[in-house]
Protein backbone atom coordinates (compact mmCIF):
# COMPACT_ATOMS: atom_id res chain seq x y z
CA MET A 1 -21.76 10.48 -9.38
CA THR A 2 -20.77 13.24 -8.56
CA GLN A 3 -22.47 16.71 -9.43
CA ARG A 4 -20.65 19.99 -9.03
CA PHE A 5 -22.62 23.27 -9.41
CA SER A 6 -21.41 26.94 -8.62
CA LEU A 7 -23.40 29.01 -6.20
CA GLY A 8 -21.85 32.29 -7.62
CA LEU A 9 -19.51 35.16 -5.98
CA ASP A 10 -20.23 36.40 -2.95
CA ALA A 11 -20.89 40.12 -2.62
CA TRP A 12 -17.54 41.34 -2.61
CA GLY A 13 -16.64 39.13 -5.31
CA SER A 14 -13.50 37.51 -4.04
CA THR A 15 -15.43 33.79 -2.54
CA GLU A 16 -17.31 31.52 -4.69
CA SER A 17 -18.93 28.84 -3.64
CA PHE A 18 -19.84 25.35 -4.80
CA VAL A 19 -22.19 22.45 -3.72
CA HIS A 20 -21.18 19.32 -4.74
CA PHE A 21 -23.63 15.94 -4.91
CA ASP A 22 -22.54 12.61 -4.15
CA ASP A 23 -25.23 10.22 -5.51
CA SER A 24 -23.16 7.26 -4.45
CA GLU A 25 -22.53 8.11 -0.74
CA ASP A 26 -25.78 9.97 -0.42
CA ARG A 27 -24.18 13.68 0.83
CA ILE A 28 -24.09 17.09 -0.19
CA VAL A 29 -20.51 19.19 0.30
CA ILE A 30 -20.11 22.83 0.15
CA GLN A 31 -16.90 24.13 -0.78
CA ASN A 32 -15.55 27.69 -0.73
CA SER A 33 -12.81 28.91 -2.83
CA THR A 34 -11.31 32.70 -2.34
CA ASP A 35 -8.96 34.56 -4.18
CA VAL A 36 -6.54 36.23 -2.08
CA GLU A 37 -4.03 37.87 -3.96
CA PRO A 38 -5.35 40.89 -4.18
CA GLN A 39 -5.32 41.44 -0.61
CA ILE A 40 -2.10 40.12 -0.10
CA GLU A 41 -0.88 42.34 -3.10
CA ALA A 42 -2.41 45.47 -0.86
CA ASN A 43 -0.55 44.43 2.11
CA LYS A 44 2.82 44.17 0.20
CA THR A 45 2.25 47.62 -0.94
CA ALA A 46 1.08 49.08 2.19
CA ALA A 47 4.02 47.46 4.04
CA THR A 48 6.48 49.29 1.86
CA ASN A 49 4.69 52.80 1.66
CA TRP A 50 2.94 53.18 5.19
CA ASP A 51 3.84 52.97 8.77
CA GLY A 52 0.43 51.15 9.96
CA PHE A 53 -0.36 54.47 12.24
CA SER A 54 -3.67 55.96 11.73
CA CYS A 55 -4.18 59.76 11.83
CA THR A 56 -3.82 60.63 15.20
CA ARG A 57 -1.02 58.21 16.03
CA GLU A 58 -3.18 56.32 18.65
CA SER A 59 -3.58 52.92 16.85
CA ARG A 60 -1.45 50.79 14.13
CA GLU A 61 -2.81 48.23 11.92
CA ILE A 62 0.35 45.16 11.79
CA ALA A 63 -1.59 43.00 9.52
CA ASP A 64 -4.48 42.26 7.30
CA ILE A 65 -5.25 38.71 7.47
CA PRO A 66 -7.55 37.22 4.76
CA VAL A 67 -10.94 35.64 6.29
CA ALA A 68 -9.56 32.41 4.44
CA VAL A 69 -6.32 32.39 6.10
CA ILE A 70 -7.88 32.83 9.37
CA HIS A 71 -10.16 29.93 8.65
CA GLN A 72 -7.29 27.64 7.87
CA TRP A 73 -5.39 28.59 10.83
CA LEU A 74 -8.64 27.86 13.06
CA ILE A 75 -9.24 24.81 11.14
CA GLU A 76 -5.62 23.33 10.87
CA ASP A 77 -3.70 24.40 14.21
CA GLY A 78 -7.06 25.65 16.57
CA ILE A 79 -5.91 29.39 16.37
CA ASP A 80 -9.08 31.27 17.02
CA VAL A 81 -7.57 34.78 15.59
CA PHE A 82 -10.71 36.58 17.23
CA ALA A 83 -9.38 35.69 20.58
CA PHE A 84 -6.69 37.96 20.18
CA ASN A 85 -7.23 40.82 23.00
CA ARG A 86 -9.03 38.12 25.18
CA ASP A 87 -6.22 35.00 25.34
CA PRO A 88 -2.94 35.50 25.70
CA SER A 89 -1.87 32.56 24.36
CA VAL A 90 -3.50 33.03 21.08
CA ARG A 91 -1.73 36.48 21.02
CA ARG A 92 1.34 34.80 21.17
CA LYS A 93 0.72 32.30 18.02
CA VAL A 94 -0.75 35.29 15.91
CA LEU A 95 2.35 37.47 16.55
CA ARG A 96 4.53 34.82 16.14
CA ARG A 97 3.19 33.64 12.94
CA LEU A 98 3.21 37.46 11.98
CA ARG A 99 6.56 37.79 12.70
CA ASP A 100 7.39 34.32 10.47
CA PRO A 101 8.94 34.78 7.15
CA ASP A 102 6.69 32.66 5.36
CA TYR A 103 3.85 34.86 6.51
CA ARG A 104 5.12 38.45 5.82
CA HIS A 105 2.73 38.77 3.21
CA LEU A 106 0.00 39.38 5.53
CA ARG A 107 1.50 42.38 7.69
CA SER A 108 0.61 45.56 6.16
CA SER A 109 2.49 47.55 7.93
CA SER A 110 6.56 48.16 8.89
CA GLY A 111 8.28 47.53 12.03
CA GLN A 112 8.30 45.46 14.82
CA VAL A 113 5.63 43.18 15.92
């Protein structure tokens, strides 16, 4: 019989963790559930109202990718977003995703990527 217990929300109130105890298979599974919708909505607003540049115009934010999506890309596709500046192949893969209309909601500014 499987029992499920909530471990509560993280410090930011966006990720809830659950523990599943499975007596029949003698194992424990930890599940995280994240609501990315507020971040997606903030990206949509920013993309229509902001060009992404800093006040000094020295840097530009092009996307704000939820940690849950970063984790999904790593697990499903082997894309380590944190290697963006170190690995040209990762850079190409991430930029390709950000140009894809299916991922436009991750963009936080307009313009070319």
